[in-house]
């Protein structure tokens, strides 16, 4: 039985080759712009003036189906359809 090293993989499951690892090491040795890294925001982009909150809402099956159909037709998400509907109903930006 041969002891093969376990391959390195990214968070998405992509297997890194030796060339990939070498390129990452070279990049790290050149150094990083710390201020640039601090400016980068992780996670989802803000939807308004502050971080968004999750608000659980119960939908009856017919309404849920209608929202899903509209989202599919508009090539967007159910969440975006609901946000847009609330903006229009409440007349807010």
Protein backbone atom coordinates (compact mmCIF):
# COMPACT_ATOMS: atom_id res chain seq x y z
CA UNK A 1 0.00 0.00 0.00
CA UNK A 2 1.41 3.39 -1.02
CA UNK A 3 1.12 6.40 1.23
CA UNK A 4 -0.16 9.02 -1.19
CA UNK A 5 -0.63 12.49 0.23
CA UNK A 6 -4.22 13.64 0.45
CA UNK A 7 -4.92 16.20 -2.30
CA UNK A 8 -5.55 19.79 -1.29
CA UNK A 9 -8.96 21.10 -2.24
CA UNK A 10 -10.63 24.49 -2.20
CA UNK A 11 -13.79 25.28 -0.28
CA UNK A 12 -15.76 24.53 -3.46
CA UNK A 13 -14.10 21.13 -3.84
CA UNK A 14 -11.68 22.00 -6.66
CA UNK A 15 -8.50 19.93 -6.39
CA UNK A 16 -5.39 22.10 -6.32
CA UNK A 17 -2.46 21.06 -8.47
CA UNK A 18 1.16 21.54 -7.46
CA UNK A 19 1.26 24.53 -9.83
CA UNK A 20 -1.78 26.07 -8.07
CA UNK A 21 -0.14 25.67 -4.67
CA UNK A 22 3.12 27.12 -6.00
CA UNK A 23 1.26 30.16 -7.40
CA UNK A 24 -0.52 30.72 -4.07
CA UNK A 25 2.80 30.48 -2.21
CA UNK A 26 4.41 32.97 -4.61
CA UNK A 27 1.51 35.37 -4.10
CA UNK A 28 1.83 35.09 -0.32
CA UNK A 29 5.59 35.65 -0.45
CA UNK A 30 5.08 38.85 -2.47
CA UNK A 31 2.84 40.08 0.34
CA UNK A 32 -0.67 41.51 0.50
CA UNK A 33 -2.01 45.04 0.70
CA UNK A 34 -3.51 44.90 4.19
CA UNK A 35 -5.61 48.04 3.66
CA UNK A 36 -7.09 46.53 0.49
CA UNK A 37 -7.96 43.35 2.37
CA UNK A 38 -9.66 45.38 5.11
CA UNK A 39 -11.79 47.20 2.50
CA UNK A 40 -13.09 43.95 1.07
CA UNK A 41 -16.36 43.00 2.65
CA UNK A 42 -17.17 39.39 3.19
CA UNK A 43 -20.62 37.93 2.97
CA UNK A 44 -23.66 39.24 1.22
CA UNK A 45 -23.81 42.79 -0.05
CA UNK A 46 -25.95 45.21 1.93
CA UNK A 47 -29.47 45.69 0.60
CA UNK A 48 -29.98 49.14 2.06
CA UNK A 49 -28.43 51.48 4.57
CA UNK A 50 -27.61 48.74 7.09
CA UNK A 51 -27.21 44.97 7.23
CA UNK A 52 -30.45 43.22 6.30
CA UNK A 53 -32.47 41.13 8.71
CA UNK A 54 -34.18 37.84 7.99
CA UNK A 55 -37.94 38.04 8.58
CA UNK A 56 -39.71 34.68 8.54
CA UNK A 57 -43.09 34.81 6.78
CA UNK A 58 -45.62 32.02 6.29
CA UNK A 59 -47.17 31.77 2.82
CA UNK A 60 -50.11 29.63 1.81
CA UNK A 61 -49.29 27.12 -0.96
CA UNK A 62 -51.01 29.12 -3.71
CA UNK A 63 -49.20 32.35 -2.84
CA UNK A 64 -45.88 30.53 -2.57
CA UNK A 65 -46.41 28.94 -5.99
CA UNK A 66 -47.33 32.33 -7.48
CA UNK A 67 -44.20 33.97 -6.05
CA UNK A 68 -41.98 31.13 -7.27
CA UNK A 69 -43.54 31.32 -10.74
CA UNK A 70 -43.03 35.10 -10.91
CA UNK A 71 -39.41 34.73 -9.77
CA UNK A 72 -38.75 32.05 -12.40
CA UNK A 73 -40.39 34.13 -15.15
CA UNK A 74 -38.40 37.22 -14.12
CA UNK A 75 -35.19 35.17 -13.74
CA UNK A 76 -34.69 36.41 -10.21
CA UNK A 77 -35.11 35.12 -6.66
CA UNK A 78 -38.22 34.65 -4.56
CA UNK A 79 -36.67 37.01 -1.99
CA UNK A 80 -36.24 39.76 -4.59
CA UNK A 81 -39.88 39.41 -5.72
CA UNK A 82 -41.08 39.67 -2.10
CA UNK A 83 -38.83 42.70 -1.40
CA UNK A 84 -40.10 44.45 -4.55
CA UNK A 85 -43.74 43.70 -3.67
CA UNK A 86 -43.24 45.14 -0.17
CA UNK A 87 -41.51 48.25 -1.55
CA UNK A 88 -44.40 48.88 -3.93
CA UNK A 89 -47.08 48.18 -1.31
CA UNK A 90 -45.42 50.39 1.30
CA UNK A 91 -44.30 52.96 -1.28
CA UNK A 92 -40.70 53.03 -0.07
CA UNK A 93 -37.45 52.97 -2.02
